[in-house]
C-alpha atoms as a PDB file:
ATOM      1  CA  UNK A   1     137.734  78.098 124.160  1.00  0.00           C
ATOM      2  CA  UNK A   2     137.954  81.004 126.599  1.00  0.00           C
ATOM      3  CA  UNK A   3     134.856  83.111 127.034  1.00  0.00           C
ATOM      4  CA  UNK A   4     134.728  86.846 126.343  1.00  0.00           C
ATOM      5  CA  UNK A   5     132.034  88.842 128.125  1.00  0.00           C
ATOM      6  CA  UNK A   6     129.702  91.209 126.314  1.00  0.00           C
ATOM      7  CA  UNK A   7     130.660  94.865 126.817  1.00  0.00           C
ATOM      8  CA  UNK A   8     129.171  96.766 129.741  1.00  0.00           C
ATOM      9  CA  UNK A   9     128.805 100.508 129.121  1.00  0.00           C
ATOM     10  CA  UNK A  10     129.120 103.092 131.889  1.00  0.00           C
ATOM     11  CA  UNK A  11     128.508 106.807 131.456  1.00  0.00           C
ATOM     12  CA  UNK A  12     131.210 108.645 133.408  1.00  0.00           C
ATOM     13  CA  UNK A  13     129.903 112.178 133.829  1.00  0.00           C
ATOM     14  CA  UNK A  14     133.021 113.706 135.346  1.00  0.00           C
ATOM     15  CA  UNK A  15     136.710 113.289 135.948  1.00  0.00           C
ATOM     16  CA  UNK A  16     135.814 112.284 139.518  1.00  0.00           C
ATOM     17  CA  UNK A  17     133.762 109.336 138.228  1.00  0.00           C
ATOM     18  CA  UNK A  18     136.607 108.256 135.952  1.00  0.00           C
ATOM     19  CA  UNK A  19     138.945 108.442 138.960  1.00  0.00           C
ATOM     20  CA  UNK A  20     136.474 106.375 141.007  1.00  0.00           C
ATOM     21  CA  UNK A  21     136.392 103.680 138.305  1.00  0.00           C
ATOM     22  CA  UNK A  22     140.215 103.629 138.214  1.00  0.00           C
ATOM     23  CA  UNK A  23     140.280 103.278 142.022  1.00  0.00           C
ATOM     24  CA  UNK A  24     137.865 100.326 141.774  1.00  0.00           C
ATOM     25  CA  UNK A  25     140.260  98.589 139.399  1.00  0.00           C
ATOM     26  CA  UNK A  26     143.211  99.434 141.648  1.00  0.00           C
ATOM     27  CA  UNK A  27     141.478  97.873 144.672  1.00  0.00           C
ATOM     28  CA  UNK A  28     140.719  94.609 142.932  1.00  0.00           C
ATOM     29  CA  UNK A  29     143.632  93.983 140.577  1.00  0.00           C
ATOM     30  CA  UNK A  30     146.036  91.243 141.635  1.00  0.00           C
ATOM     31  CA  UNK A  31     149.478  90.209 140.462  1.00  0.00           C
ATOM     32  CA  UNK A  32     149.232  89.068 136.859  1.00  0.00           C
ATOM     33  CA  UNK A  33     146.106  91.088 136.040  1.00  0.00           C
ATOM     34  CA  UNK A  34     146.153  93.041 132.779  1.00  0.00           C
ATOM     35  CA  UNK A  35     143.887  95.930 131.801  1.00  0.00           C
ATOM     36  CA  UNK A  36     143.959  96.839 128.116  1.00  0.00           C
ATOM     37  CA  UNK A  37     143.084 100.528 127.689  1.00  0.00           C
ATOM     38  CA  UNK A  38     141.814 101.769 124.371  1.00  0.00           C
ATOM     39  CA  UNK A  39     140.440 105.058 123.129  1.00  0.00           C
ATOM     40  CA  UNK A  40     141.368 107.934 120.911  1.00  0.00           C
ATOM     41  CA  UNK A  41     143.932 110.607 121.640  1.00  0.00           C
ATOM     42  CA  UNK A  42     143.077 112.549 124.822  1.00  0.00           C
ATOM     43  CA  UNK A  43     140.431 109.986 125.823  1.00  0.00           C
ATOM     44  CA  UNK A  44     141.925 109.815 129.317  1.00  0.00           C
ATOM     45  CA  UNK A  45     143.966 106.608 129.258  1.00  0.00           C
ATOM     46  CA  UNK A  46     147.013 108.035 131.052  1.00  0.00           C
ATOM     47  CA  UNK A  47     144.805 109.970 133.494  1.00  0.00           C
ATOM     48  CA  UNK A  48     143.025 106.691 134.279  1.00  0.00           C
ATOM     49  CA  UNK A  49     146.359 104.985 135.011  1.00  0.00           C
ATOM     50  CA  UNK A  50     147.498 107.979 137.085  1.00  0.00           C
ATOM     51  CA  UNK A  51     144.363 107.631 139.254  1.00  0.00           C
ATOM     52  CA  UNK A  52     144.832 103.859 139.607  1.00  0.00           C
ATOM     53  CA  UNK A  53     148.494 104.210 140.587  1.00  0.00           C
ATOM     54  CA  UNK A  54     147.573 106.819 143.212  1.00  0.00           C
ATOM     55  CA  UNK A  55     144.776 104.583 144.530  1.00  0.00           C
ATOM     56  CA  UNK A  56     147.335 101.778 144.971  1.00  0.00           C
ATOM     57  CA  UNK A  57     149.313 104.134 147.211  1.00  0.00           C
ATOM     58  CA  UNK A  58     152.268 104.617 144.875  1.00  0.00           C
ATOM     59  CA  UNK A  59     153.746 108.116 144.876  1.00  0.00           C
ATOM     60  CA  UNK A  60     155.423 107.678 141.500  1.00  0.00           C
ATOM     61  CA  UNK A  61     154.837 110.425 138.928  1.00  0.00           C
ATOM     62  CA  UNK A  62     152.767 108.869 136.139  1.00  0.00           C
ATOM     63  CA  UNK A  63     153.566 109.968 132.608  1.00  0.00           C
ATOM     64  CA  UNK A  64     152.570 108.628 129.228  1.00  0.00           C
ATOM     65  CA  UNK A  65     154.900 105.836 128.113  1.00  0.00           C
ATOM     66  CA  UNK A  66     154.411 106.666 124.423  1.00  0.00           C
ATOM     67  CA  UNK A  67     158.147 107.133 123.815  1.00  0.00           C
ATOM     68  CA  UNK A  68     159.572 104.929 126.551  1.00  0.00           C
ATOM     69  CA  UNK A  69     157.061 102.144 125.696  1.00  0.00           C
ATOM     70  CA  UNK A  70     156.859 101.063 129.341  1.00  0.00           C
ATOM     71  CA  UNK A  71     157.090 102.673 132.763  1.00  0.00           C
ATOM     72  CA  UNK A  72     157.351 100.586 135.925  1.00  0.00           C
ATOM     73  CA  UNK A  73     155.911 102.113 139.102  1.00  0.00           C
ATOM     74  CA  UNK A  74     156.033 100.931 142.719  1.00  0.00           C
ATOM     75  CA  UNK A  75     154.030  97.810 143.274  1.00  0.00           C
ATOM     76  CA  UNK A  76     155.154  96.819 140.654  1.00  0.00           C
ATOM     77  CA  UNK A  77     152.709  98.441 138.306  1.00  0.00           C
ATOM     78  CA  UNK A  78     153.484  98.185 134.594  1.00  0.00           C
ATOM     79  CA  UNK A  79     152.223 101.072 132.458  1.00  0.00           C
ATOM     80  CA  UNK A  80     152.798 100.330 128.820  1.00  0.00           C
ATOM     81  CA  UNK A  81     151.869 101.997 125.556  1.00  0.00           C
ATOM     82  CA  UNK A  82     151.507  99.725 122.522  1.00  0.00           C
ATOM     83  CA  UNK A  83     150.879 102.585 120.067  1.00  0.00           C
ATOM     84  CA  UNK A  84     154.404 102.541 118.648  1.00  0.00           C
ATOM     85  CA  UNK A  85     154.735  98.761 118.439  1.00  0.00           C
ATOM     86  CA  UNK A  86     154.611  97.430 114.899  1.00  0.00           C
ATOM     87  CA  UNK A  87     153.324  94.010 115.914  1.00  0.00           C
ATOM     88  CA  UNK A  88     152.678  91.806 118.945  1.00  0.00           C
ATOM     89  CA  UNK A  89     156.138  90.280 118.339  1.00  0.00           C
ATOM     90  CA  UNK A  90     157.651  93.620 119.394  1.00  0.00           C
ATOM     91  CA  UNK A  91     155.959  93.153 122.767  1.00  0.00           C
ATOM     92  CA  UNK A  92     157.987  90.002 123.465  1.00  0.00           C
ATOM     93  CA  UNK A  93     161.189  91.927 122.720  1.00  0.00           C
ATOM     94  CA  UNK A  94     160.482  94.238 125.679  1.00  0.00           C
ATOM     95  CA  UNK A  95     161.139  91.323 128.088  1.00  0.00           C
ATOM     96  CA  UNK A  96     158.607  92.450 130.688  1.00  0.00           C
ATOM     97  CA  UNK A  97     157.387  88.958 131.641  1.00  0.00           C
ATOM     98  CA  UNK A  98     158.654  89.147 135.242  1.00  0.00           C
ATOM     99  CA  UNK A  99     156.990  92.511 135.857  1.00  0.00           C
ATOM    100  CA  UNK A 100     153.717  91.265 134.371  1.00  0.00           C
ATOM    101  CA  UNK A 101     153.777  88.187 136.626  1.00  0.00           C
ATOM    102  CA  UNK A 102     154.735  90.062 139.817  1.00  0.00           C
ATOM    103  CA  UNK A 103     152.560  93.125 139.355  1.00  0.00           C
ATOM    104  CA  UNK A 104     149.532  94.545 137.645  1.00  0.00           C
ATOM    105  CA  UNK A 105     149.585  95.978 134.140  1.00  0.00           C
ATOM    106  CA  UNK A 106     147.856  98.782 132.261  1.00  0.00           C
ATOM    107  CA  UNK A 107     148.444  98.792 128.506  1.00  0.00           C
ATOM    108  CA  UNK A 108     147.385 101.846 126.520  1.00  0.00           C
ATOM    109  CA  UNK A 109     146.373 101.082 122.928  1.00  0.00           C
ATOM    110  CA  UNK A 110     146.229  97.522 124.197  1.00  0.00           C
ATOM    111  CA  UNK A 111     143.820  96.012 121.655  1.00  0.00           C
ATOM    112  CA  UNK A 112     146.671  94.995 119.381  1.00  0.00           C
ATOM    113  CA  UNK A 113     148.180  92.903 122.202  1.00  0.00           C
ATOM    114  CA  UNK A 114     145.003  91.067 123.269  1.00  0.00           C
ATOM    115  CA  UNK A 115     146.204  87.878 121.579  1.00  0.00           C
ATOM    116  CA  UNK A 116     149.268  87.859 123.870  1.00  0.00           C
ATOM    117  CA  UNK A 117     147.146  87.249 127.006  1.00  0.00           C
ATOM    118  CA  UNK A 118     144.903  84.348 127.967  1.00  0.00           C
ATOM    119  CA  UNK A 119     143.116  86.414 130.568  1.00  0.00           C
ATOM    120  CA  UNK A 120     142.513  90.158 130.611  1.00  0.00           C
ATOM    121  CA  UNK A 121     140.010  92.945 131.096  1.00  0.00           C
ATOM    122  CA  UNK A 122     139.497  95.621 128.482  1.00  0.00           C
ATOM    123  CA  UNK A 123     138.405  99.239 128.924  1.00  0.00           C
ATOM    124  CA  UNK A 124     137.550 101.443 125.965  1.00  0.00           C
ATOM    125  CA  UNK A 125     137.199 105.137 126.798  1.00  0.00           C
ATOM    126  CA  UNK A 126     135.379 107.483 124.457  1.00  0.00           C
ATOM    127  CA  UNK A 127     135.032 111.223 124.930  1.00  0.00           C
ATOM    128  CA  UNK A 128     131.530 112.604 124.732  1.00  0.00           C
ATOM    129  CA  UNK A 129     130.905 115.531 122.398  1.00  0.00           C
ATOM    130  CA  UNK A 130     130.438 118.895 124.073  1.00  0.00           C
ATOM    131  CA  UNK A 131     131.830 117.769 127.448  1.00  0.00           C
ATOM    132  CA  UNK A 132     135.588 117.302 127.835  1.00  0.00           C
ATOM    133  CA  UNK A 133     135.161 115.614 131.232  1.00  0.00           C
ATOM    134  CA  UNK A 134     132.478 113.057 130.314  1.00  0.00           C
ATOM    135  CA  UNK A 135     133.272 109.660 128.875  1.00  0.00           C
ATOM    136  CA  UNK A 136     131.646 106.407 127.948  1.00  0.00           C
ATOM    137  CA  UNK A 137     133.536 103.453 129.381  1.00  0.00           C
ATOM    138  CA  UNK A 138     132.989 100.132 127.624  1.00  0.00           C
ATOM    139  CA  UNK A 139     134.233  97.244 129.737  1.00  0.00           C
ATOM    140  CA  UNK A 140     134.647  93.619 128.735  1.00  0.00           C
ATOM    141  CA  UNK A 141     136.769  90.671 129.786  1.00  0.00           C
ATOM    142  CA  UNK A 142     138.405  87.575 128.388  1.00  0.00           C
ATOM    143  CA  UNK A 143     139.068  84.519 130.518  1.00  0.00           C
ATOM    144  CA  UNK A 144     137.977  83.540 134.012  1.00  0.00           C
ATOM    145  CA  UNK A 145     140.186  85.967 135.955  1.00  0.00           C
ATOM    146  CA  UNK A 146     139.270  88.830 133.629  1.00  0.00           C
ATOM    147  CA  UNK A 147     135.582  88.051 134.196  1.00  0.00           C
ATOM    148  CA  UNK A 148     136.059  87.838 137.973  1.00  0.00           C
ATOM    149  CA  UNK A 149     137.932  91.151 138.031  1.00  0.00           C
ATOM    150  CA  UNK A 150     135.274  92.850 135.937  1.00  0.00           C
ATOM    151  CA  UNK A 151     132.503  91.566 138.226  1.00  0.00           C
ATOM    152  CA  UNK A 152     134.323  92.857 141.313  1.00  0.00           C
ATOM    153  CA  UNK A 153     134.945  96.263 139.727  1.00  0.00           C
ATOM    154  CA  UNK A 154     131.348  96.662 138.564  1.00  0.00           C
ATOM    155  CA  UNK A 155     129.998  95.682 141.986  1.00  0.00           C
ATOM    156  CA  UNK A 156     132.396  98.051 143.748  1.00  0.00           C
ATOM    157  CA  UNK A 157     131.713 100.918 141.329  1.00  0.00           C
ATOM    158  CA  UNK A 158     127.931 100.543 141.728  1.00  0.00           C
ATOM    159  CA  UNK A 159     128.137 101.299 145.469  1.00  0.00           C
END
């Protein structure tokens, strides 16, 4: 049975701190790594991906894949939105296996697809009341690579 880590909570007081966390992920993600992003509407999921893509050096314009379901950026970086999928079976129909193996992946509304991956890291973003720029990030991982990635990100972010 694969181990899931207990959530680690980080208070992100500003957009700059959220960008710094995204850059930490961008520095440490390797081909095949998957980050499941969860949070309500306007929680900052696409902004997080935009910051990570920029930190990887890609100049691609990052937009929400809500209607396209998946955007592929230089790297390759897969940016997917599972919100409109009816079930995990719909994920397989997208035929993105090669991109997931060759690149890194960010999946918005990713909780519904967790069962599709043996190894992943999860980030839940929650807006804080009375401050549109502050968020609580809850981070957890599943599997050995997810745990290793999370440890690297937390160490890097703490500096």
